[in-house]
Amino acid sequence: MPQSLSSLLVHLVFSTKNREPWLPDSIRDELHAYIGGTISNERGVLLKTGSVSDHIHLLISHPRTIAPANLVETVKTASSKWIKDRDRRLAGFHWQSGYGIFSISPSHRPALEKYIAGQAEHHRKVTFQDEYRRMLTKYGVEWDERYVWD
């Protein structure tokens, strides 16, 4: 087979440091576009994004040419710099150290896109911590509560 082909859909989730409300409505659309460009530069595709003031969800067609940890580092580093440069009042911004990245089936893509699009409504009822615990359980990830938050 002369070609190297892949289909890797991932759901990436991470929060602001200490879940501080650093992401105002006024920058989110531009932030999402910037992150999409960052992923595109790594040969991936941002399929859907949704965020609230303290965290972000990304549905990514993951490129086959970069390790997941390296893509996450690139996205978080570039977007953190962009946020800080965007507004001096955001100079203290940081993403949390960790993240969650989960593989998804193409058949689950429509439901995940709907879920990501509905983040504002969803978080009127559910905290990020409860949401994240549910995701970890759903995807069968073991975690230690002492180290999952920063």
C-alpha atoms as a PDB file:
ATOM      1  CA  MET A   1       0.000   0.000   0.000  1.00  0.00           C
ATOM      2  CA  PRO A   2       1.773   3.177  -1.138  1.00  0.00           C
ATOM      3  CA  GLN A   3      -0.401   5.623   0.806  1.00  0.00           C
ATOM      4  CA  SER A   4      -0.596   6.195   4.536  1.00  0.00           C
ATOM      5  CA  LEU A   5      -4.191   7.007   5.419  1.00  0.00           C
ATOM      6  CA  SER A   6      -6.008   7.442   8.683  1.00  0.00           C
ATOM      7  CA  SER A   7      -9.340   8.326  10.235  1.00  0.00           C
ATOM      8  CA  LEU A   8      -8.844   9.357  13.849  1.00  0.00           C
ATOM      9  CA  LEU A   9     -11.616  11.327  15.518  1.00  0.00           C
ATOM     10  CA  VAL A  10     -10.836  12.605  18.990  1.00  0.00           C
ATOM     11  CA  HIS A  11     -12.683  14.599  21.615  1.00  0.00           C
ATOM     12  CA  LEU A  12     -10.237  16.892  23.419  1.00  0.00           C
ATOM     13  CA  VAL A  13     -11.237  18.654  26.638  1.00  0.00           C
ATOM     14  CA  PHE A  14      -9.258  20.954  28.909  1.00  0.00           C
ATOM     15  CA  SER A  15      -9.984  23.757  31.309  1.00  0.00           C
ATOM     16  CA  THR A  16      -8.474  26.993  32.404  1.00  0.00           C
ATOM     17  CA  LYS A  17      -6.110  26.741  35.361  1.00  0.00           C
ATOM     18  CA  ASN A  18      -8.168  26.194  38.516  1.00  0.00           C
ATOM     19  CA  ARG A  19     -11.257  26.487  36.320  1.00  0.00           C
ATOM     20  CA  GLU A  20     -11.079  30.272  36.548  1.00  0.00           C
ATOM     21  CA  PRO A  21     -13.553  32.042  34.208  1.00  0.00           C
ATOM     22  CA  TRP A  22     -10.919  33.442  31.824  1.00  0.00           C
ATOM     23  CA  LEU A  23     -12.762  32.935  28.532  1.00  0.00           C
ATOM     24  CA  PRO A  24     -15.169  35.825  27.975  1.00  0.00           C
ATOM     25  CA  ASP A  25     -17.889  35.497  25.338  1.00  0.00           C
ATOM     26  CA  SER A  26     -16.242  38.334  23.395  1.00  0.00           C
ATOM     27  CA  ILE A  27     -13.170  36.267  22.393  1.00  0.00           C
ATOM     28  CA  ARG A  28     -14.534  32.753  22.027  1.00  0.00           C
ATOM     29  CA  ASP A  29     -15.374  32.771  18.314  1.00  0.00           C
ATOM     30  CA  GLU A  30     -11.937  34.167  17.478  1.00  0.00           C
ATOM     31  CA  LEU A  31     -10.286  31.727  19.881  1.00  0.00           C
ATOM     32  CA  HIS A  32     -12.053  28.794  18.245  1.00  0.00           C
ATOM     33  CA  ALA A  33     -10.941  30.005  14.800  1.00  0.00           C
ATOM     34  CA  TYR A  34      -7.377  30.467  16.010  1.00  0.00           C
ATOM     35  CA  ILE A  35      -7.294  26.953  17.460  1.00  0.00           C
ATOM     36  CA  GLY A  36      -8.710  25.643  14.183  1.00  0.00           C
ATOM     37  CA  GLY A  37      -5.851  27.298  12.318  1.00  0.00           C
ATOM     38  CA  THR A  38      -3.320  25.851  14.739  1.00  0.00           C
ATOM     39  CA  ILE A  39      -4.704  22.353  14.209  1.00  0.00           C
ATOM     40  CA  SER A  40      -4.787  22.890  10.444  1.00  0.00           C
ATOM     41  CA  ASN A  41      -1.111  23.880  10.517  1.00  0.00           C
ATOM     42  CA  GLU A  42      -0.440  20.416  11.982  1.00  0.00           C
ATOM     43  CA  ARG A  43      -2.506  18.803   9.173  1.00  0.00           C
ATOM     44  CA  GLY A  44      -5.535  18.113  11.339  1.00  0.00           C
ATOM     45  CA  VAL A  45      -9.064  19.458  11.092  1.00  0.00           C
ATOM     46  CA  LEU A  46     -11.093  21.091  13.846  1.00  0.00           C
ATOM     47  CA  LEU A  47     -14.590  19.745  13.209  1.00  0.00           C
ATOM     48  CA  LYS A  48     -16.462  21.298  16.130  1.00  0.00           C
ATOM     49  CA  THR A  49     -15.635  23.432  19.122  1.00  0.00           C
ATOM     50  CA  GLY A  50     -17.540  24.686  22.085  1.00  0.00           C
ATOM     51  CA  SER A  51     -16.466  26.513  25.186  1.00  0.00           C
ATOM     52  CA  VAL A  52     -17.713  28.256  28.274  1.00  0.00           C
ATOM     53  CA  SER A  53     -15.819  30.605  30.554  1.00  0.00           C
ATOM     54  CA  ASP A  54     -13.674  27.887  32.141  1.00  0.00           C
ATOM     55  CA  HIS A  55     -13.120  25.101  29.607  1.00  0.00           C
ATOM     56  CA  ILE A  56     -13.204  24.033  25.977  1.00  0.00           C
ATOM     57  CA  HIS A  57     -14.258  20.969  23.964  1.00  0.00           C
ATOM     58  CA  LEU A  58     -12.726  20.205  20.573  1.00  0.00           C
ATOM     59  CA  LEU A  59     -13.738  17.541  18.069  1.00  0.00           C
ATOM     60  CA  ILE A  60     -10.702  16.947  15.909  1.00  0.00           C
ATOM     61  CA  SER A  61      -9.898  14.850  12.891  1.00  0.00           C
ATOM     62  CA  HIS A  62      -6.480  14.033  14.302  1.00  0.00           C
ATOM     63  CA  PRO A  63      -3.537  14.113  11.895  1.00  0.00           C
ATOM     64  CA  ARG A  64      -1.582  10.904  11.503  1.00  0.00           C
ATOM     65  CA  THR A  65       1.731  12.774  11.560  1.00  0.00           C
ATOM     66  CA  ILE A  66       1.801  14.040  15.160  1.00  0.00           C
ATOM     67  CA  ALA A  67       1.384  12.363  18.536  1.00  0.00           C
ATOM     68  CA  PRO A  68      -1.729  13.365  20.494  1.00  0.00           C
ATOM     69  CA  ALA A  69       0.327  14.847  23.354  1.00  0.00           C
ATOM     70  CA  ASN A  70       2.303  16.974  20.902  1.00  0.00           C
ATOM     71  CA  LEU A  71      -0.840  18.276  19.198  1.00  0.00           C
ATOM     72  CA  VAL A  72      -2.378  19.163  22.569  1.00  0.00           C
ATOM     73  CA  GLU A  73       0.807  20.952  23.633  1.00  0.00           C
ATOM     74  CA  THR A  74       0.864  22.918  20.378  1.00  0.00           C
ATOM     75  CA  VAL A  75      -2.813  23.903  20.699  1.00  0.00           C
ATOM     76  CA  LYS A  76      -2.563  24.906  24.349  1.00  0.00           C
ATOM     77  CA  THR A  77       0.720  26.822  23.966  1.00  0.00           C
ATOM     78  CA  ALA A  78      -0.342  28.731  20.852  1.00  0.00           C
ATOM     79  CA  SER A  79      -3.826  29.558  22.134  1.00  0.00           C
ATOM     80  CA  SER A  80      -2.529  30.638  25.541  1.00  0.00           C
ATOM     81  CA  LYS A  81      -0.140  33.069  23.882  1.00  0.00           C
ATOM     82  CA  TRP A  82      -2.928  34.309  21.603  1.00  0.00           C
ATOM     83  CA  ILE A  83      -5.255  34.924  24.569  1.00  0.00           C
ATOM     84  CA  LYS A  84      -2.587  36.836  26.492  1.00  0.00           C
ATOM     85  CA  ASP A  85      -1.711  38.953  23.449  1.00  0.00           C
ATOM     86  CA  ARG A  86      -5.384  39.587  22.662  1.00  0.00           C
ATOM     87  CA  ASP A  87      -6.107  41.583  25.818  1.00  0.00           C
ATOM     88  CA  ARG A  88      -3.751  42.817  28.538  1.00  0.00           C
ATOM     89  CA  ARG A  89      -6.434  42.036  31.117  1.00  0.00           C
ATOM     90  CA  LEU A  90      -5.919  38.367  30.208  1.00  0.00           C
ATOM     91  CA  ALA A  91      -2.149  38.460  30.817  1.00  0.00           C
ATOM     92  CA  GLY A  92      -2.471  36.035  33.758  1.00  0.00           C
ATOM     93  CA  PHE A  93      -4.272  33.399  31.682  1.00  0.00           C
ATOM     94  CA  HIS A  94      -3.162  29.747  31.809  1.00  0.00           C
ATOM     95  CA  TRP A  95      -4.699  26.479  30.697  1.00  0.00           C
ATOM     96  CA  GLN A  96      -4.712  23.636  33.200  1.00  0.00           C
ATOM     97  CA  SER A  97      -1.687  21.346  33.012  1.00  0.00           C
ATOM     98  CA  GLY A  98      -3.678  18.262  32.062  1.00  0.00           C
ATOM     99  CA  TYR A  99      -6.322  17.380  29.502  1.00  0.00           C
ATOM    100  CA  GLY A 100      -8.601  14.587  28.423  1.00  0.00           C
ATOM    101  CA  ILE A 101      -8.454  13.169  24.916  1.00  0.00           C
ATOM    102  CA  PHE A 102     -10.821  10.410  23.872  1.00  0.00           C
ATOM    103  CA  SER A 103     -11.229   8.490  20.631  1.00  0.00           C
ATOM    104  CA  ILE A 104     -14.719   8.442  19.188  1.00  0.00           C
ATOM    105  CA  SER A 105     -16.448   6.361  16.584  1.00  0.00           C
ATOM    106  CA  PRO A 106     -17.533   8.130  13.386  1.00  0.00           C
ATOM    107  CA  SER A 107     -21.064   6.915  14.136  1.00  0.00           C
ATOM    108  CA  HIS A 108     -21.017   8.955  17.384  1.00  0.00           C
ATOM    109  CA  ARG A 109     -19.864  12.143  15.684  1.00  0.00           C
ATOM    110  CA  PRO A 110     -23.312  13.753  15.205  1.00  0.00           C
ATOM    111  CA  ALA A 111     -24.231  13.260  18.866  1.00  0.00           C
ATOM    112  CA  LEU A 112     -20.885  14.639  20.031  1.00  0.00           C
ATOM    113  CA  GLU A 113     -21.208  17.664  17.743  1.00  0.00           C
ATOM    114  CA  LYS A 114     -24.626  18.386  19.237  1.00  0.00           C
ATOM    115  CA  TYR A 115     -23.242  17.986  22.747  1.00  0.00           C
ATOM    116  CA  ILE A 116     -20.332  20.337  22.061  1.00  0.00           C
ATOM    117  CA  ALA A 117     -22.626  22.930  20.482  1.00  0.00           C
ATOM    118  CA  GLY A 118     -24.838  22.884  23.580  1.00  0.00           C
ATOM    119  CA  GLN A 119     -22.153  23.644  26.156  1.00  0.00           C
ATOM    120  CA  ALA A 120     -23.665  26.909  27.417  1.00  0.00           C
ATOM    121  CA  GLU A 121     -27.025  25.278  28.122  1.00  0.00           C
ATOM    122  CA  HIS A 122     -25.438  22.123  29.525  1.00  0.00           C
ATOM    123  CA  HIS A 123     -23.365  24.057  32.054  1.00  0.00           C
ATOM    124  CA  ARG A 124     -26.338  25.850  33.500  1.00  0.00           C
ATOM    125  CA  LYS A 125     -27.023  22.528  35.238  1.00  0.00           C
ATOM    126  CA  VAL A 126     -23.732  20.607  35.393  1.00  0.00           C
ATOM    127  CA  THR A 127     -20.306  21.733  36.643  1.00  0.00           C
ATOM    128  CA  PHE A 128     -17.179  21.093  34.613  1.00  0.00           C
ATOM    129  CA  GLN A 129     -15.866  18.747  37.307  1.00  0.00           C
ATOM    130  CA  ASP A 130     -19.026  16.600  37.218  1.00  0.00           C
ATOM    131  CA  GLU A 131     -19.037  16.636  33.418  1.00  0.00           C
ATOM    132  CA  TYR A 132     -15.390  15.586  33.276  1.00  0.00           C
ATOM    133  CA  ARG A 133     -15.866  12.773  35.801  1.00  0.00           C
ATOM    134  CA  ARG A 134     -18.754  11.461  33.666  1.00  0.00           C
ATOM    135  CA  MET A 135     -16.569  11.551  30.551  1.00  0.00           C
ATOM    136  CA  LEU A 136     -13.738   9.703  32.273  1.00  0.00           C
ATOM    137  CA  THR A 137     -16.195   7.051  33.447  1.00  0.00           C
ATOM    138  CA  LYS A 138     -17.895   6.815  30.039  1.00  0.00           C
ATOM    139  CA  TYR A 139     -14.569   6.310  28.254  1.00  0.00           C
ATOM    140  CA  GLY A 140     -13.304   3.829  30.868  1.00  0.00           C
ATOM    141  CA  VAL A 141     -10.430   6.011  32.074  1.00  0.00           C
ATOM    142  CA  GLU A 142      -9.121   5.463  35.587  1.00  0.00           C
ATOM    143  CA  TRP A 143      -8.125   8.617  37.455  1.00  0.00           C
ATOM    144  CA  ASP A 144      -7.017   9.820  40.834  1.00  0.00           C
ATOM    145  CA  GLU A 145      -9.170  12.678  42.104  1.00  0.00           C
ATOM    146  CA  ARG A 146      -6.136  14.171  43.884  1.00  0.00           C
ATOM    147  CA  TYR A 147      -4.327  14.812  40.592  1.00  0.00           C
ATOM    148  CA  VAL A 148      -7.003  15.463  37.991  1.00  0.00           C
ATOM    149  CA  TRP A 149      -7.584  19.109  38.982  1.00  0.00           C
ATOM    150  CA  ASP A 150      -5.133  21.993  38.980  1.00  0.00           C
END
